[in-house]
């Protein structure tokens, strides 16, 4: 029984700290954009020096286009 006199206030203190940390995280903007980082991994970075996609689209990659690509 004497252990309850220590465990109950400690449990309440832990809950109070958890609530404080949660509200601090909300106020500091930790939960503002949940979808942005998850979707950003799907897209390549914009590299202005990267020409592979442009060369492939224009047919300058050294290969002749297939007949089905001509139209």
PDB file of N, CA and C in Angstrom:
ATOM      1  N   UNK A   1       0.799  -1.201   0.000  1.00  0.00           N
ATOM      2  CA  UNK A   1       0.000   0.000   0.000  1.00  0.00           C
ATOM      3  C   UNK A   1       0.849   1.276   0.000  1.00  0.00           C
ATOM      4  N   UNK A   2       1.970   1.326   0.714  1.00  0.00           N
ATOM      5  CA  UNK A   2       2.776   2.555   0.700  1.00  0.00           C
ATOM      6  C   UNK A   2       3.369   2.851  -0.684  1.00  0.00           C
ATOM      7  N   UNK A   3       3.525   1.829  -1.501  1.00  0.00           N
ATOM      8  CA  UNK A   3       4.060   2.067  -2.840  1.00  0.00           C
ATOM      9  C   UNK A   3       3.102   2.899  -3.679  1.00  0.00           C
ATOM     10  N   UNK A   4       1.805   2.779  -3.419  1.00  0.00           N
ATOM     11  CA  UNK A   4       0.825   3.572  -4.164  1.00  0.00           C
ATOM     12  C   UNK A   4       0.978   5.061  -3.891  1.00  0.00           C
ATOM     13  N   UNK A   5       1.431   5.414  -2.701  1.00  0.00           N
ATOM     14  CA  UNK A   5       1.614   6.823  -2.359  1.00  0.00           C
ATOM     15  C   UNK A   5       2.740   7.453  -3.182  1.00  0.00           C
ATOM     16  N   UNK A   6       3.614   6.636  -3.688  1.00  0.00           N
ATOM     17  CA  UNK A   6       4.698   7.131  -4.548  1.00  0.00           C
ATOM     18  C   UNK A   6       4.329   6.968  -6.026  1.00  0.00           C
ATOM     19  N   UNK A   7       3.730   5.844  -6.396  1.00  0.00           N
ATOM     20  CA  UNK A   7       3.472   5.535  -7.799  1.00  0.00           C
ATOM     21  C   UNK A   7       2.394   6.425  -8.421  1.00  0.00           C
ATOM     22  N   UNK A   8       1.361   6.758  -7.665  1.00  0.00           N
ATOM     23  CA  UNK A   8       0.284   7.586  -8.222  1.00  0.00           C
ATOM     24  C   UNK A   8       0.793   8.997  -8.547  1.00  0.00           C
ATOM     25  N   UNK A   9       1.497   9.693  -7.647  1.00  0.00           N
ATOM     26  CA  UNK A   9       2.027  11.013  -8.039  1.00  0.00           C
ATOM     27  C   UNK A   9       3.049  10.942  -9.175  1.00  0.00           C
ATOM     28  N   UNK A  10       3.856   9.890  -9.211  1.00  0.00           N
ATOM     29  CA  UNK A  10       4.817   9.743 -10.308  1.00  0.00           C
ATOM     30  C   UNK A  10       4.087   9.539 -11.633  1.00  0.00           C
ATOM     31  N   UNK A  11       3.041   8.741 -11.632  1.00  0.00           N
ATOM     32  CA  UNK A  11       2.255   8.518 -12.850  1.00  0.00           C
ATOM     33  C   UNK A  11       1.585   9.811 -13.305  1.00  0.00           C
ATOM     34  N   UNK A  12       1.055  10.583 -12.365  1.00  0.00           N
ATOM     35  CA  UNK A  12       0.428  11.861 -12.716  1.00  0.00           C
ATOM     36  C   UNK A  12       1.464  12.843 -13.262  1.00  0.00           C
ATOM     37  N   UNK A  13       2.660  12.813 -12.708  1.00  0.00           N
ATOM     38  CA  UNK A  13       3.729  13.680 -13.203  1.00  0.00           C
ATOM     39  C   UNK A  13       4.129  13.294 -14.628  1.00  0.00           C
ATOM     40  N   UNK A  14       4.225  12.015 -14.904  1.00  0.00           N
ATOM     41  CA  UNK A  14       4.564  11.552 -16.251  1.00  0.00           C
ATOM     42  C   UNK A  14       3.479  11.948 -17.255  1.00  0.00           C
ATOM     43  N   UNK A  15       2.221  11.826 -16.867  1.00  0.00           N
ATOM     44  CA  UNK A  15       1.112  12.227 -17.746  1.00  0.00           C
ATOM     45  C   UNK A  15       1.162  13.732 -17.997  1.00  0.00           C
ATOM     46  N   UNK A  16       1.440  14.516 -16.958  1.00  0.00           N
ATOM     47  CA  UNK A  16       1.517  15.966 -17.122  1.00  0.00           C
ATOM     48  C   UNK A  16       2.656  16.358 -18.059  1.00  0.00           C
ATOM     49  N   UNK A  17       3.798  15.695 -17.940  1.00  0.00           N
ATOM     50  CA  UNK A  17       4.925  15.974 -18.834  1.00  0.00           C
ATOM     51  C   UNK A  17       4.576  15.589 -20.266  1.00  0.00           C
ATOM     52  N   UNK A  18       3.910  14.463 -20.450  1.00  0.00           N
ATOM     53  CA  UNK A  18       3.526  14.028 -21.795  1.00  0.00           C
ATOM     54  C   UNK A  18       2.546  15.022 -22.427  1.00  0.00           C
ATOM     55  N   UNK A  19       1.601  15.504 -21.659  1.00  0.00           N
ATOM     56  CA  UNK A  19       0.640  16.490 -22.171  1.00  0.00           C
ATOM     57  C   UNK A  19       1.362  17.784 -22.528  1.00  0.00           C
ATOM     58  N   UNK A  20       2.291  18.217 -21.675  1.00  0.00           N
ATOM     59  CA  UNK A  20       3.056  19.434 -21.955  1.00  0.00           C
ATOM     60  C   UNK A  20       3.864  19.282 -23.243  1.00  0.00           C
ATOM     61  N   UNK A  21       4.530  18.152 -23.428  1.00  0.00           N
ATOM     62  CA  UNK A  21       5.330  17.927 -24.637  1.00  0.00           C
ATOM     63  C   UNK A  21       4.442  17.897 -25.875  1.00  0.00           C
ATOM     64  N   UNK A  22       3.271  17.291 -25.773  1.00  0.00           N
ATOM     65  CA  UNK A  22       2.351  17.256 -26.906  1.00  0.00           C
ATOM     66  C   UNK A  22       1.911  18.659 -27.307  1.00  0.00           C
ATOM     67  N   UNK A  23       1.485  19.471 -26.339  1.00  0.00           N
ATOM     68  CA  UNK A  23       1.041  20.823 -26.669  1.00  0.00           C
ATOM     69  C   UNK A  23       2.203  21.691 -27.151  1.00  0.00           C
ATOM     70  N   UNK A  24       3.409  21.467 -26.633  1.00  0.00           N
ATOM     71  CA  UNK A  24       4.568  22.186 -27.142  1.00  0.00           C
ATOM     72  C   UNK A  24       4.816  21.844 -28.605  1.00  0.00           C
ATOM     73  N   UNK A  25       4.700  20.568 -28.966  1.00  0.00           N
ATOM     74  CA  UNK A  25       4.919  20.133 -30.344  1.00  0.00           C
ATOM     75  C   UNK A  25       3.867  20.726 -31.278  1.00  0.00           C
ATOM     76  N   UNK A  26       2.632  20.782 -30.833  1.00  0.00           N
ATOM     77  CA  UNK A  26       1.575  21.360 -31.664  1.00  0.00           C
ATOM     78  C   UNK A  26       1.814  22.849 -31.858  1.00  0.00           C
ATOM     79  N   UNK A  27       2.171  23.558 -30.795  1.00  0.00           N
ATOM     80  CA  UNK A  27       2.388  24.999 -30.888  1.00  0.00           C
ATOM     81  C   UNK A  27       3.623  25.350 -31.710  1.00  0.00           C
ATOM     82  N   UNK A  28       4.620  24.491 -31.716  1.00  0.00           N
ATOM     83  CA  UNK A  28       5.840  24.793 -32.463  1.00  0.00           C
ATOM     84  C   UNK A  28       5.751  24.378 -33.928  1.00  0.00           C
ATOM     85  N   UNK A  29       4.624  23.811 -34.354  1.00  0.00           N
ATOM     86  CA  UNK A  29       4.424  23.493 -35.769  1.00  0.00           C
ATOM     87  C   UNK A  29       4.906  22.128 -36.188  1.00  0.00           C
ATOM     88  N   UNK A  30       5.079  21.214 -35.273  1.00  0.00           N
ATOM     89  CA  UNK A  30       5.575  19.885 -35.624  1.00  0.00           C
ATOM     90  C   UNK A  30       4.559  19.087 -36.444  1.00  0.00           C
ATOM     91  N   UNK A  31       3.287  19.420 -36.340  1.00  0.00           N
ATOM     92  CA  UNK A  31       2.248  18.661 -37.034  1.00  0.00           C
ATOM     93  C   UNK A  31       1.593  19.467 -38.148  1.00  0.00           C
ATOM     94  N   UNK A  32       2.242  20.517 -38.636  1.00  0.00           N
ATOM     95  CA  UNK A  32       1.625  21.367 -39.649  1.00  0.00           C
ATOM     96  C   UNK A  32       1.472  20.669 -40.995  1.00  0.00           C
ATOM     97  N   UNK A  33       2.521  20.019 -41.483  1.00  0.00           N
ATOM     98  CA  UNK A  33       2.483  19.397 -42.803  1.00  0.00           C
ATOM     99  C   UNK A  33       2.858  17.928 -42.675  1.00  0.00           C
ATOM    100  N   UNK A  34       1.866  17.073 -42.571  1.00  0.00           N
ATOM    101  CA  UNK A  34       2.128  15.650 -42.421  1.00  0.00           C
ATOM    102  C   UNK A  34       2.306  14.944 -43.760  1.00  0.00           C
ATOM    103  N   UNK A  35       1.713  15.473 -44.831  1.00  0.00           N
ATOM    104  CA  UNK A  35       1.765  14.798 -46.120  1.00  0.00           C
ATOM    105  C   UNK A  35       2.941  15.233 -46.986  1.00  0.00           C
ATOM    106  N   UNK A  36       3.438  16.431 -46.798  1.00  0.00           N
ATOM    107  CA  UNK A  36       4.519  16.946 -47.647  1.00  0.00           C
ATOM    108  C   UNK A  36       5.758  16.077 -47.671  1.00  0.00           C
ATOM    109  N   UNK A  37       6.351  15.758 -46.528  1.00  0.00           N
ATOM    110  CA  UNK A  37       7.554  14.920 -46.554  1.00  0.00           C
ATOM    111  C   UNK A  37       7.293  13.517 -47.098  1.00  0.00           C
ATOM    112  N   UNK A  38       6.112  12.995 -46.884  1.00  0.00           N
ATOM    113  CA  UNK A  38       5.808  11.655 -47.390  1.00  0.00           C
ATOM    114  C   UNK A  38       5.717  11.643 -48.913  1.00  0.00           C
ATOM    115  N   UNK A  39       5.207  12.721 -49.502  1.00  0.00           N
ATOM    116  CA  UNK A  39       5.077  12.774 -50.959  1.00  0.00           C
ATOM    117  C   UNK A  39       6.361  13.254 -51.624  1.00  0.00           C
ATOM    118  N   UNK A  40       7.184  14.015 -50.919  1.00  0.00           N
ATOM    119  CA  UNK A  40       8.382  14.569 -51.553  1.00  0.00           C
ATOM    120  C   UNK A  40       9.389  13.494 -51.922  1.00  0.00           C
ATOM    121  N   UNK A  41       9.350  12.347 -51.272  1.00  0.00           N
ATOM    122  CA  UNK A  41      10.298  11.283 -51.611  1.00  0.00           C
ATOM    123  C   UNK A  41       9.971  10.665 -52.969  1.00  0.00           C
ATOM    124  N   UNK A  42       8.760  10.855 -53.459  1.00  0.00           N
ATOM    125  CA  UNK A  42       8.360  10.272 -54.737  1.00  0.00           C
ATOM    126  C   UNK A  42       8.864  11.075 -55.930  1.00  0.00           C
ATOM    127  N   UNK A  43       9.265  12.316 -55.721  1.00  0.00           N
ATOM    128  CA  UNK A  43       9.666  13.185 -56.816  1.00  0.00           C
ATOM    129  C   UNK A  43      11.175  13.401 -56.797  1.00  0.00           C
ATOM    130  N   UNK A  44      11.765  13.456 -57.997  1.00  0.00           N
ATOM    131  CA  UNK A  44      13.196  13.719 -58.107  1.00  0.00           C
ATOM    132  C   UNK A  44      13.468  15.178 -57.785  1.00  0.00           C
ATOM    133  N   UNK A  45      14.678  15.433 -57.328  1.00  0.00           N
ATOM    134  CA  UNK A  45      15.095  16.813 -57.119  1.00  0.00           C
ATOM    135  C   UNK A  45      15.264  17.486 -58.473  1.00  0.00           C
ATOM    136  N   UNK A  46      15.018  18.769 -58.513  1.00  0.00           N
ATOM    137  CA  UNK A  46      15.184  19.524 -59.740  1.00  0.00           C
ATOM    138  C   UNK A  46      16.666  19.841 -59.907  1.00  0.00           C
ATOM    139  N   UNK A  47      17.303  19.217 -60.890  1.00  0.00           N
ATOM    140  CA  UNK A  47      18.713  19.432 -61.151  1.00  0.00           C
ATOM    141  C   UNK A  47      18.845  20.108 -62.508  1.00  0.00           C
ATOM    142  N   UNK A  48      19.208  21.400 -62.544  1.00  0.00           N
ATOM    143  CA  UNK A  48      19.269  22.101 -63.836  1.00  0.00           C
ATOM    144  C   UNK A  48      20.370  21.568 -64.748  1.00  0.00           C
ATOM    145  N   UNK A  49      21.384  20.905 -64.220  1.00  0.00           N
ATOM    146  CA  UNK A  49      22.451  20.373 -65.049  1.00  0.00           C
ATOM    147  C   UNK A  49      22.148  18.997 -65.623  1.00  0.00           C
ATOM    148  N   UNK A  50      21.030  18.418 -65.256  1.00  0.00           N
ATOM    149  CA  UNK A  50      20.670  17.070 -65.677  1.00  0.00           C
ATOM    150  C   UNK A  50      19.915  17.151 -66.996  1.00  0.00           C
ATOM    151  N   UNK A  51      20.472  16.558 -68.061  1.00  0.00           N
ATOM    152  CA  UNK A  51      19.889  16.678 -69.400  1.00  0.00           C
ATOM    153  C   UNK A  51      19.325  15.372 -69.934  1.00  0.00           C
ATOM    154  N   UNK A  52      19.332  14.298 -69.172  1.00  0.00           N
ATOM    155  CA  UNK A  52      18.918  12.998 -69.707  1.00  0.00           C
ATOM    156  C   UNK A  52      17.455  12.995 -70.127  1.00  0.00           C
ATOM    157  N   UNK A  53      16.587  13.558 -69.322  1.00  0.00           N
ATOM    158  CA  UNK A  53      15.170  13.576 -69.662  1.00  0.00           C
ATOM    159  C   UNK A  53      14.887  14.434 -70.879  1.00  0.00           C
ATOM    160  N   UNK A  54      15.602  15.553 -71.015  1.00  0.00           N
ATOM    161  CA  UNK A  54      15.414  16.435 -72.161  1.00  0.00           C
ATOM    162  C   UNK A  54      15.939  15.772 -73.420  1.00  0.00           C
ATOM    163  N   UNK A  55      17.112  15.136 -73.341  1.00  0.00           N
ATOM    164  CA  UNK A  55      17.677  14.466 -74.502  1.00  0.00           C
ATOM    165  C   UNK A  55      16.804  13.302 -74.955  1.00  0.00           C
ATOM    166  N   UNK A  56      16.268  12.555 -74.034  1.00  0.00           N
ATOM    167  CA  UNK A  56      15.420  11.421 -74.387  1.00  0.00           C
ATOM    168  C   UNK A  56      14.138  11.881 -75.057  1.00  0.00           C
ATOM    169  N   UNK A  57      13.559  12.953 -74.568  1.00  0.00           N
ATOM    170  CA  UNK A  57      12.313  13.454 -75.135  1.00  0.00           C
ATOM    171  C   UNK A  57      12.527  14.037 -76.524  1.00  0.00           C
ATOM    172  N   UNK A  58      13.693  14.620 -76.775  1.00  0.00           N
ATOM    173  CA  UNK A  58      13.931  15.230 -78.075  1.00  0.00           C
ATOM    174  C   UNK A  58      14.558  14.267 -79.075  1.00  0.00           C
ATOM    175  N   UNK A  59      14.929  13.059 -78.648  1.00  0.00           N
ATOM    176  CA  UNK A  59      15.507  12.064 -79.541  1.00  0.00           C
ATOM    177  C   UNK A  59      16.986  12.255 -79.781  1.00  0.00           C
ATOM    178  N   UNK A  60      17.687  12.961 -78.909  1.00  0.00           N
ATOM    179  CA  UNK A  60      19.113  13.240 -79.080  1.00  0.00           C
ATOM    180  C   UNK A  60      19.997  12.271 -78.311  1.00  0.00           C
ATOM    181  N   UNK A  61      19.480  11.123 -77.983  1.00  0.00           N
ATOM    182  CA  UNK A  61      20.269  10.187 -77.178  1.00  0.00           C
ATOM    183  C   UNK A  61      21.076   9.218 -78.032  1.00  0.00           C
ATOM    184  N   UNK A  62      21.186   9.462 -79.331  1.00  0.00           N
ATOM    185  CA  UNK A  62      22.021   8.627 -80.189  1.00  0.00           C
ATOM    186  C   UNK A  62      21.292   7.453 -80.805  1.00  0.00           C
ATOM    187  N   UNK A  63      20.046   7.252 -80.523  1.00  0.00           N
ATOM    188  CA  UNK A  63      19.290   6.147 -81.084  1.00  0.00           C
ATOM    189  C   UNK A  63      18.215   6.709 -82.008  1.00  0.00           C
ATOM    190  N   UNK A  64      17.928   5.924 -83.049  1.00  0.00           N
ATOM    191  CA  UNK A  64      16.838   6.315 -83.929  1.00  0.00           C
ATOM    192  C   UNK A  64      15.512   5.987 -83.253  1.00  0.00           C
ATOM    193  N   UNK A  65      14.528   6.846 -83.383  1.00  0.00           N
ATOM    194  CA  UNK A  65      13.230   6.540 -82.789  1.00  0.00           C
ATOM    195  C   UNK A  65      12.562   5.374 -83.502  1.00  0.00           C
ATOM    196  N   UNK A  66      11.810   4.608 -82.769  1.00  0.00           N
ATOM    197  CA  UNK A  66      11.070   3.495 -83.367  1.00  0.00           C
ATOM    198  C   UNK A  66       9.969   4.043 -84.270  1.00  0.00           C
ATOM    199  N   UNK A  67       9.481   3.162 -85.162  1.00  0.00           N
ATOM    200  CA  UNK A  67       8.420   3.598 -86.069  1.00  0.00           C
ATOM    201  C   UNK A  67       7.154   3.942 -85.296  1.00  0.00           C
ATOM    202  N   UNK A  68       6.900   3.261 -84.182  1.00  0.00           N
ATOM    203  CA  UNK A  68       5.706   3.561 -83.420  1.00  0.00           C
ATOM    204  C   UNK A  68       5.823   4.908 -82.719  1.00  0.00           C
ATOM    205  N   UNK A  69       7.055   5.386 -82.497  1.00  0.00           N
ATOM    206  CA  UNK A  69       7.253   6.680 -81.856  1.00  0.00           C
ATOM    207  C   UNK A  69       7.067   7.838 -82.831  1.00  0.00           C
ATOM    208  N   UNK A  70       7.231   7.561 -84.135  1.00  0.00           N
ATOM    209  CA  UNK A  70       7.125   8.628 -85.133  1.00  0.00           C
ATOM    210  C   UNK A  70       5.695   9.100 -85.269  1.00  0.00           C
ATOM    211  N   UNK A  71       4.775   8.221 -85.147  1.00  0.00           N
ATOM    212  CA  UNK A  71       3.412   8.707 -85.164  1.00  0.00           C
ATOM    213  C   UNK A  71       2.579   7.938 -86.051  1.00  0.00           C
TER     214      UNK A  71
END
